[in-house]
Amino acid sequence: MIIYPNSFHRLIDESGNMAEALMYYSYITLMTIGYGDIYPISPVAQKASIFIGLIGQFYLVIITAIVVGKYISQSSENKSLE
């Protein structure tokens, strides 16, 4: 944001702290919630937002796969003990 100023609409919050607002935006985008209160304007910021959103989807898939894998392995261990 230092290299491309004004890349996001409403990035600076009431206290003037851009870092906190950027962390908030990153978490909301990563969790794929997207409230729309802060949004990218420049092409670089839009591409970065798409990348962060994709990482959020991969994160969700990986966590789900780990949980399901542990459940299946535990279930198969319990059946072999019977």
PDB file of N, CA and C in Angstrom:
ATOM      1  N   MET A   1       0.792  -1.164   0.000  1.00  0.00           N
ATOM      2  CA  MET A   1       0.000   0.000   0.000  1.00  0.00           C
ATOM      3  C   MET A   1       0.856   1.257   0.000  1.00  0.00           C
ATOM      4  N   ILE A   2       2.089   1.094   0.406  1.00  0.00           N
ATOM      5  CA  ILE A   2       3.009   2.225   0.357  1.00  0.00           C
ATOM      6  C   ILE A   2       3.409   2.498  -1.089  1.00  0.00           C
ATOM      7  N   ILE A   3       3.594   1.438  -1.859  1.00  0.00           N
ATOM      8  CA  ILE A   3       4.005   1.590  -3.251  1.00  0.00           C
ATOM      9  C   ILE A   3       2.846   2.089  -4.108  1.00  0.00           C
ATOM     10  N   TYR A   4       1.634   1.592  -3.843  1.00  0.00           N
ATOM     11  CA  TYR A   4       0.443   1.990  -4.594  1.00  0.00           C
ATOM     12  C   TYR A   4      -0.556   2.641  -3.636  1.00  0.00           C
ATOM     13  N   PRO A   5      -0.392   3.922  -3.341  1.00  0.00           N
ATOM     14  CA  PRO A   5      -1.338   4.575  -2.424  1.00  0.00           C
ATOM     15  C   PRO A   5      -2.745   4.648  -3.014  1.00  0.00           C
ATOM     16  N   ASN A   6      -3.728   4.685  -2.145  1.00  0.00           N
ATOM     17  CA  ASN A   6      -5.143   4.746  -2.522  1.00  0.00           C
ATOM     18  C   ASN A   6      -5.579   3.542  -3.347  1.00  0.00           C
ATOM     19  N   SER A   7      -5.024   2.369  -3.042  1.00  0.00           N
ATOM     20  CA  SER A   7      -5.401   1.147  -3.739  1.00  0.00           C
ATOM     21  C   SER A   7      -6.708   0.572  -3.213  1.00  0.00           C
ATOM     22  N   PHE A   8      -7.082   0.946  -1.986  1.00  0.00           N
ATOM     23  CA  PHE A   8      -8.296   0.436  -1.368  1.00  0.00           C
ATOM     24  C   PHE A   8      -9.196   1.603  -0.964  1.00  0.00           C
ATOM     25  N   HIS A   9     -10.486   1.383  -1.090  1.00  0.00           N
ATOM     26  CA  HIS A   9     -11.462   2.363  -0.642  1.00  0.00           C
ATOM     27  C   HIS A   9     -11.719   2.162   0.846  1.00  0.00           C
ATOM     28  N   ARG A  10     -11.637   3.228   1.639  1.00  0.00           N
ATOM     29  CA  ARG A  10     -11.865   3.214   3.089  1.00  0.00           C
ATOM     30  C   ARG A  10     -10.868   2.355   3.848  1.00  0.00           C
ATOM     31  N   LEU A  11      -9.631   2.357   3.459  1.00  0.00           N
ATOM     32  CA  LEU A  11      -8.639   1.535   4.151  1.00  0.00           C
ATOM     33  C   LEU A  11      -8.221   2.147   5.474  1.00  0.00           C
ATOM     34  N   ILE A  12      -8.196   3.450   5.566  1.00  0.00           N
ATOM     35  CA  ILE A  12      -7.792   4.096   6.809  1.00  0.00           C
ATOM     36  C   ILE A  12      -9.028   4.254   7.686  1.00  0.00           C
ATOM     37  N   ASP A  13      -8.971   3.661   8.905  1.00  0.00           N
ATOM     38  CA  ASP A  13     -10.120   3.717   9.804  1.00  0.00           C
ATOM     39  C   ASP A  13     -10.176   5.041  10.567  1.00  0.00           C
ATOM     40  N   GLU A  14     -11.096   5.143  11.515  1.00  0.00           N
ATOM     41  CA  GLU A  14     -11.305   6.381  12.249  1.00  0.00           C
ATOM     42  C   GLU A  14     -10.065   6.823  13.019  1.00  0.00           C
ATOM     43  N   SER A  15      -9.318   5.862  13.524  1.00  0.00           N
ATOM     44  CA  SER A  15      -8.117   6.204  14.290  1.00  0.00           C
ATOM     45  C   SER A  15      -6.930   6.521  13.383  1.00  0.00           C
ATOM     46  N   GLY A  16      -7.075   6.324  12.100  1.00  0.00           N
ATOM     47  CA  GLY A  16      -5.996   6.600  11.162  1.00  0.00           C
ATOM     48  C   GLY A  16      -4.986   5.478  11.054  1.00  0.00           C
ATOM     49  N   ASN A  17      -5.306   4.316  11.617  1.00  0.00           N
ATOM     50  CA  ASN A  17      -4.392   3.181  11.619  1.00  0.00           C
ATOM     51  C   ASN A  17      -4.651   2.305  10.396  1.00  0.00           C
ATOM     52  N   MET A  18      -3.790   2.421   9.401  1.00  0.00           N
ATOM     53  CA  MET A  18      -3.952   1.666   8.172  1.00  0.00           C
ATOM     54  C   MET A  18      -3.605   0.196   8.368  1.00  0.00           C
ATOM     55  N   ALA A  19      -2.658  -0.118   9.244  1.00  0.00           N
ATOM     56  CA  ALA A  19      -2.230  -1.504   9.438  1.00  0.00           C
ATOM     57  C   ALA A  19      -3.363  -2.365   9.995  1.00  0.00           C
ATOM     58  N   GLU A  20      -4.097  -1.848  10.970  1.00  0.00           N
ATOM     59  CA  GLU A  20      -5.207  -2.608  11.535  1.00  0.00           C
ATOM     60  C   GLU A  20      -6.313  -2.809  10.514  1.00  0.00           C
ATOM     61  N   ALA A  21      -6.609  -1.791   9.742  1.00  0.00           N
ATOM     62  CA  ALA A  21      -7.645  -1.909   8.715  1.00  0.00           C
ATOM     63  C   ALA A  21      -7.231  -2.906   7.638  1.00  0.00           C
ATOM     64  N   LEU A  22      -5.950  -2.930   7.293  1.00  0.00           N
ATOM     65  CA  LEU A  22      -5.474  -3.883   6.291  1.00  0.00           C
ATOM     66  C   LEU A  22      -5.520  -5.313   6.813  1.00  0.00           C
ATOM     67  N   MET A  23      -5.201  -5.509   8.093  1.00  0.00           N
ATOM     68  CA  MET A  23      -5.315  -6.846   8.697  1.00  0.00           C
ATOM     69  C   MET A  23      -6.773  -7.290   8.726  1.00  0.00           C
ATOM     70  N   TYR A  24      -7.656  -6.372   9.098  1.00  0.00           N
ATOM     71  CA  TYR A  24      -9.092  -6.675   9.096  1.00  0.00           C
ATOM     72  C   TYR A  24      -9.538  -7.097   7.694  1.00  0.00           C
ATOM     73  N   TYR A  25      -9.149  -6.326   6.687  1.00  0.00           N
ATOM     74  CA  TYR A  25      -9.531  -6.642   5.310  1.00  0.00           C
ATOM     75  C   TYR A  25      -8.966  -8.002   4.888  1.00  0.00           C
ATOM     76  N   SER A  26      -7.718  -8.270   5.259  1.00  0.00           N
ATOM     77  CA  SER A  26      -7.095  -9.534   4.880  1.00  0.00           C
ATOM     78  C   SER A  26      -7.818 -10.724   5.506  1.00  0.00           C
ATOM     79  N   TYR A  27      -8.172 -10.618   6.788  1.00  0.00           N
ATOM     80  CA  TYR A  27      -8.887 -11.718   7.447  1.00  0.00           C
ATOM     81  C   TYR A  27     -10.281 -11.915   6.864  1.00  0.00           C
ATOM     82  N   ILE A  28     -10.987 -10.833   6.608  1.00  0.00           N
ATOM     83  CA  ILE A  28     -12.332 -10.938   6.044  1.00  0.00           C
ATOM     84  C   ILE A  28     -12.269 -11.562   4.644  1.00  0.00           C
ATOM     85  N   THR A  29     -11.261 -11.210   3.881  1.00  0.00           N
ATOM     86  CA  THR A  29     -11.096 -11.785   2.544  1.00  0.00           C
ATOM     87  C   THR A  29     -10.649 -13.236   2.625  1.00  0.00           C
ATOM     88  N   LEU A  30      -9.722 -13.546   3.540  1.00  0.00           N
ATOM     89  CA  LEU A  30      -9.226 -14.916   3.693  1.00  0.00           C
ATOM     90  C   LEU A  30     -10.342 -15.859   4.119  1.00  0.00           C
ATOM     91  N   MET A  31     -11.231 -15.380   4.970  1.00  0.00           N
ATOM     92  CA  MET A  31     -12.358 -16.207   5.408  1.00  0.00           C
ATOM     93  C   MET A  31     -13.503 -16.195   4.405  1.00  0.00           C
ATOM     94  N   THR A  32     -13.325 -15.504   3.304  1.00  0.00           N
ATOM     95  CA  THR A  32     -14.283 -15.374   2.205  1.00  0.00           C
ATOM     96  C   THR A  32     -15.626 -14.830   2.676  1.00  0.00           C
ATOM     97  N   ILE A  33     -15.607 -13.916   3.643  1.00  0.00           N
ATOM     98  CA  ILE A  33     -16.832 -13.266   4.099  1.00  0.00           C
ATOM     99  C   ILE A  33     -17.135 -12.086   3.189  1.00  0.00           C
ATOM    100  N   GLY A  34     -16.199 -11.158   3.067  1.00  0.00           N
ATOM    101  CA  GLY A  34     -16.337 -10.027   2.163  1.00  0.00           C
ATOM    102  C   GLY A  34     -17.484  -9.099   2.477  1.00  0.00           C
ATOM    103  N   TYR A  35     -17.381  -8.331   3.541  1.00  0.00           N
ATOM    104  CA  TYR A  35     -18.441  -7.401   3.919  1.00  0.00           C
ATOM    105  C   TYR A  35     -18.609  -6.270   2.902  1.00  0.00           C
ATOM    106  N   GLY A  36     -17.546  -5.836   2.276  1.00  0.00           N
ATOM    107  CA  GLY A  36     -17.633  -4.775   1.286  1.00  0.00           C
ATOM    108  C   GLY A  36     -17.377  -3.389   1.832  1.00  0.00           C
ATOM    109  N   ASP A  37     -17.022  -3.286   3.104  1.00  0.00           N
ATOM    110  CA  ASP A  37     -16.738  -1.967   3.655  1.00  0.00           C
ATOM    111  C   ASP A  37     -15.387  -1.442   3.197  1.00  0.00           C
ATOM    112  N   ILE A  38     -14.447  -2.339   2.934  1.00  0.00           N
ATOM    113  CA  ILE A  38     -13.158  -1.998   2.332  1.00  0.00           C
ATOM    114  C   ILE A  38     -13.064  -2.827   1.057  1.00  0.00           C
ATOM    115  N   TYR A  39     -12.738  -2.189  -0.038  1.00  0.00           N
ATOM    116  CA  TYR A  39     -12.631  -2.946  -1.279  1.00  0.00           C
ATOM    117  C   TYR A  39     -11.504  -2.389  -2.146  1.00  0.00           C
ATOM    118  N   PRO A  40     -10.895  -3.272  -2.976  1.00  0.00           N
ATOM    119  CA  PRO A  40      -9.763  -2.853  -3.802  1.00  0.00           C
ATOM    120  C   PRO A  40     -10.214  -1.989  -4.971  1.00  0.00           C
ATOM    121  N   ILE A  41      -9.389  -1.005  -5.289  1.00  0.00           N
ATOM    122  CA  ILE A  41      -9.672  -0.116  -6.414  1.00  0.00           C
ATOM    123  C   ILE A  41      -8.676  -0.350  -7.550  1.00  0.00           C
ATOM    124  N   SER A  42      -7.383  -0.407  -7.229  1.00  0.00           N
ATOM    125  CA  SER A  42      -6.356  -0.550  -8.267  1.00  0.00           C
ATOM    126  C   SER A  42      -6.258  -2.008  -8.736  1.00  0.00           C
ATOM    127  N   PRO A  43      -5.787  -2.225  -9.949  1.00  0.00           N
ATOM    128  CA  PRO A  43      -5.638  -3.592 -10.455  1.00  0.00           C
ATOM    129  C   PRO A  43      -4.707  -4.458  -9.603  1.00  0.00           C
ATOM    130  N   VAL A  44      -3.656  -3.870  -9.057  1.00  0.00           N
ATOM    131  CA  VAL A  44      -2.736  -4.645  -8.217  1.00  0.00           C
ATOM    132  C   VAL A  44      -3.451  -5.102  -6.952  1.00  0.00           C
ATOM    133  N   ALA A  45      -4.207  -4.226  -6.333  1.00  0.00           N
ATOM    134  CA  ALA A  45      -4.949  -4.582  -5.123  1.00  0.00           C
ATOM    135  C   ALA A  45      -6.032  -5.609  -5.428  1.00  0.00           C
ATOM    136  N   GLN A  46      -6.660  -5.515  -6.573  1.00  0.00           N
ATOM    137  CA  GLN A  46      -7.682  -6.492  -6.947  1.00  0.00           C
ATOM    138  C   GLN A  46      -7.076  -7.872  -7.128  1.00  0.00           C
ATOM    139  N   LYS A  47      -5.909  -7.936  -7.766  1.00  0.00           N
ATOM    140  CA  LYS A  47      -5.244  -9.226  -7.951  1.00  0.00           C
ATOM    141  C   LYS A  47      -4.771  -9.802  -6.624  1.00  0.00           C
ATOM    142  N   ALA A  48      -4.283  -8.952  -5.733  1.00  0.00           N
ATOM    143  CA  ALA A  48      -3.873  -9.416  -4.406  1.00  0.00           C
ATOM    144  C   ALA A  48      -5.072  -9.949  -3.634  1.00  0.00           C
ATOM    145  N   SER A  49      -6.222  -9.308  -3.767  1.00  0.00           N
ATOM    146  CA  SER A  49      -7.438  -9.758  -3.085  1.00  0.00           C
ATOM    147  C   SER A  49      -7.911 -11.099  -3.625  1.00  0.00           C
ATOM    148  N   ILE A  50      -7.827 -11.280  -4.920  1.00  0.00           N
ATOM    149  CA  ILE A  50      -8.187 -12.567  -5.514  1.00  0.00           C
ATOM    150  C   ILE A  50      -7.265 -13.655  -4.979  1.00  0.00           C
ATOM    151  N   PHE A  51      -5.983 -13.371  -4.910  1.00  0.00           N
ATOM    152  CA  PHE A  51      -5.011 -14.339  -4.390  1.00  0.00           C
ATOM    153  C   PHE A  51      -5.321 -14.698  -2.938  1.00  0.00           C
ATOM    154  N   ILE A  52      -5.617 -13.707  -2.115  1.00  0.00           N
ATOM    155  CA  ILE A  52      -5.934 -13.966  -0.708  1.00  0.00           C
ATOM    156  C   ILE A  52      -7.214 -14.788  -0.597  1.00  0.00           C
ATOM    157  N   GLY A  53      -8.213 -14.494  -1.423  1.00  0.00           N
ATOM    158  CA  GLY A  53      -9.449 -15.274  -1.421  1.00  0.00           C
ATOM    159  C   GLY A  53      -9.220 -16.720  -1.824  1.00  0.00           C
ATOM    160  N   LEU A  54      -8.356 -16.943  -2.808  1.00  0.00           N
ATOM    161  CA  LEU A  54      -8.034 -18.317  -3.216  1.00  0.00           C
ATOM    162  C   LEU A  54      -7.299 -19.067  -2.111  1.00  0.00           C
ATOM    163  N   ILE A  55      -6.416 -18.389  -1.423  1.00  0.00           N
ATOM    164  CA  ILE A  55      -5.718 -19.017  -0.304  1.00  0.00           C
ATOM    165  C   ILE A  55      -6.728 -19.423   0.763  1.00  0.00           C
ATOM    166  N   GLY A  56      -7.744 -18.594   0.992  1.00  0.00           N
ATOM    167  CA  GLY A  56      -8.789 -18.928   1.954  1.00  0.00           C
ATOM    168  C   GLY A  56      -9.530 -20.195   1.568  1.00  0.00           C
ATOM    169  N   GLN A  57      -9.802 -20.372   0.275  1.00  0.00           N
ATOM    170  CA  GLN A  57     -10.484 -21.587  -0.180  1.00  0.00           C
ATOM    171  C   GLN A  57      -9.598 -22.816   0.005  1.00  0.00           C
ATOM    172  N   PHE A  58      -8.327 -22.703  -0.356  1.00  0.00           N
ATOM    173  CA  PHE A  58      -7.408 -23.826  -0.176  1.00  0.00           C
ATOM    174  C   PHE A  58      -7.245 -24.175   1.301  1.00  0.00           C
ATOM    175  N   TYR A  59      -7.211 -23.163   2.150  1.00  0.00           N
ATOM    176  CA  TYR A  59      -7.096 -23.389   3.584  1.00  0.00           C
ATOM    177  C   TYR A  59      -8.295 -24.197   4.085  1.00  0.00           C
ATOM    178  N   LEU A  60      -9.488 -23.817   3.654  1.00  0.00           N
ATOM    179  CA  LEU A  60     -10.693 -24.528   4.051  1.00  0.00           C
ATOM    180  C   LEU A  60     -10.652 -25.983   3.583  1.00  0.00           C
ATOM    181  N   VAL A  61     -10.234 -26.213   2.359  1.00  0.00           N
ATOM    182  CA  VAL A  61     -10.170 -27.570   1.817  1.00  0.00           C
ATOM    183  C   VAL A  61      -9.132 -28.406   2.570  1.00  0.00           C
ATOM    184  N   ILE A  62      -7.993 -27.827   2.866  1.00  0.00           N
ATOM    185  CA  ILE A  62      -6.934 -28.570   3.561  1.00  0.00           C
ATOM    186  C   ILE A  62      -7.371 -28.930   4.972  1.00  0.00           C
ATOM    187  N   ILE A  63      -7.958 -27.997   5.699  1.00  0.00           N
ATOM    188  CA  ILE A  63      -8.429 -28.285   7.054  1.00  0.00           C
ATOM    189  C   ILE A  63      -9.500 -29.368   7.030  1.00  0.00           C
ATOM    190  N   THR A  64     -10.435 -29.278   6.095  1.00  0.00           N
ATOM    191  CA  THR A  64     -11.479 -30.296   5.978  1.00  0.00           C
ATOM    192  C   THR A  64     -10.877 -31.655   5.661  1.00  0.00           C
ATOM    193  N   ALA A  65      -9.908 -31.714   4.772  1.00  0.00           N
ATOM    194  CA  ALA A  65      -9.269 -32.982   4.418  1.00  0.00           C
ATOM    195  C   ALA A  65      -8.537 -33.577   5.621  1.00  0.00           C
ATOM    196  N   ILE A  66      -7.882 -32.755   6.408  1.00  0.00           N
ATOM    197  CA  ILE A  66      -7.173 -33.257   7.591  1.00  0.00           C
ATOM    198  C   ILE A  66      -8.163 -33.838   8.594  1.00  0.00           C
ATOM    199  N   VAL A  67      -9.253 -33.123   8.847  1.00  0.00           N
ATOM    200  CA  VAL A  67     -10.252 -33.604   9.814  1.00  0.00           C
ATOM    201  C   VAL A  67     -10.893 -34.897   9.331  1.00  0.00           C
ATOM    202  N   VAL A  68     -11.277 -34.961   8.078  1.00  0.00           N
ATOM    203  CA  VAL A  68     -11.896 -36.169   7.539  1.00  0.00           C
ATOM    204  C   VAL A  68     -10.898 -37.322   7.542  1.00  0.00           C
ATOM    205  N   GLY A  69      -9.655 -37.048   7.186  1.00  0.00           N
ATOM    206  CA  GLY A  69      -8.630 -38.092   7.195  1.00  0.00           C
ATOM    207  C   GLY A  69      -8.407 -38.661   8.586  1.00  0.00           C
ATOM    208  N   LYS A  70      -8.358 -37.805   9.603  1.00  0.00           N
ATOM    209  CA  LYS A  70      -8.201 -38.278  10.977  1.00  0.00           C
ATOM    210  C   LYS A  70      -9.419 -39.081  11.419  1.00  0.00           C
ATOM    211  N   TYR A  71     -10.608 -38.649  11.030  1.00  0.00           N
ATOM    212  CA  TYR A  71     -11.821 -39.376  11.378  1.00  0.00           C
ATOM    213  C   TYR A  71     -11.823 -40.763  10.743  1.00  0.00           C
ATOM    214  N   ILE A  72     -11.450 -40.847   9.474  1.00  0.00           N
ATOM    215  CA  ILE A  72     -11.428 -42.140   8.778  1.00  0.00           C
ATOM    216  C   ILE A  72     -10.377 -43.066   9.383  1.00  0.00           C
ATOM    217  N   SER A  73      -9.197 -42.537   9.680  1.00  0.00           N
ATOM    218  CA  SER A  73      -8.152 -43.390  10.257  1.00  0.00           C
ATOM    219  C   SER A  73      -8.536 -43.863  11.652  1.00  0.00           C
ATOM    220  N   GLN A  74      -9.177 -43.000  12.439  1.00  0.00           N
ATOM    221  CA  GLN A  74      -9.606 -43.401  13.775  1.00  0.00           C
ATOM    222  C   GLN A  74     -10.734 -44.428  13.673  1.00  0.00           C
ATOM    223  N   SER A  75     -11.629 -44.231  12.717  1.00  0.00           N
ATOM    224  CA  SER A  75     -12.731 -45.164  12.520  1.00  0.00           C
ATOM    225  C   SER A  75     -12.230 -46.534  12.094  1.00  0.00           C
ATOM    226  N   SER A  76     -11.233 -46.573  11.218  1.00  0.00           N
ATOM    227  CA  SER A  76     -10.687 -47.860  10.773  1.00  0.00           C
ATOM    228  C   SER A  76      -9.893 -48.540  11.881  1.00  0.00           C
ATOM    229  N   GLU A  77      -9.233 -47.764  12.754  1.00  0.00           N
ATOM    230  CA  GLU A  77      -8.527 -48.357  13.890  1.00  0.00           C
ATOM    231  C   GLU A  77      -9.510 -48.967  14.880  1.00  0.00           C
ATOM    232  N   ASN A  78     -10.622 -48.315  15.115  1.00  0.00           N
ATOM    233  CA  ASN A  78     -11.638 -48.845  16.035  1.00  0.00           C
ATOM    234  C   ASN A  78     -12.251 -50.121  15.489  1.00  0.00           C
ATOM    235  N   LYS A  79     -12.446 -50.220  14.178  1.00  0.00           N
ATOM    236  CA  LYS A  79     -13.002 -51.438  13.587  1.00  0.00           C
ATOM    237  C   LYS A  79     -12.017 -52.587  13.655  1.00  0.00           C
ATOM    238  N   SER A  80     -10.731 -52.290  13.537  1.00  0.00           N
ATOM    239  CA  SER A  80      -9.741 -53.371  13.588  1.00  0.00           C
ATOM    240  C   SER A  80      -9.559 -53.897  15.015  1.00  0.00           C
ATOM    241  N   LEU A  81      -9.882 -53.097  16.013  1.00  0.00           N
ATOM    242  CA  LEU A  81      -9.777 -53.531  17.413  1.00  0.00           C
ATOM    243  C   LEU A  81     -10.955 -54.399  17.813  1.00  0.00           C
ATOM    244  N   GLU A  82     -12.059 -54.321  17.096  1.00  0.00           N
ATOM    245  CA  GLU A  82     -13.239 -55.103  17.446  1.00  0.00           C
ATOM    246  C   GLU A  82     -13.112 -56.524  17.071  1.00  0.00           C
TER     247      GLU A  82
END
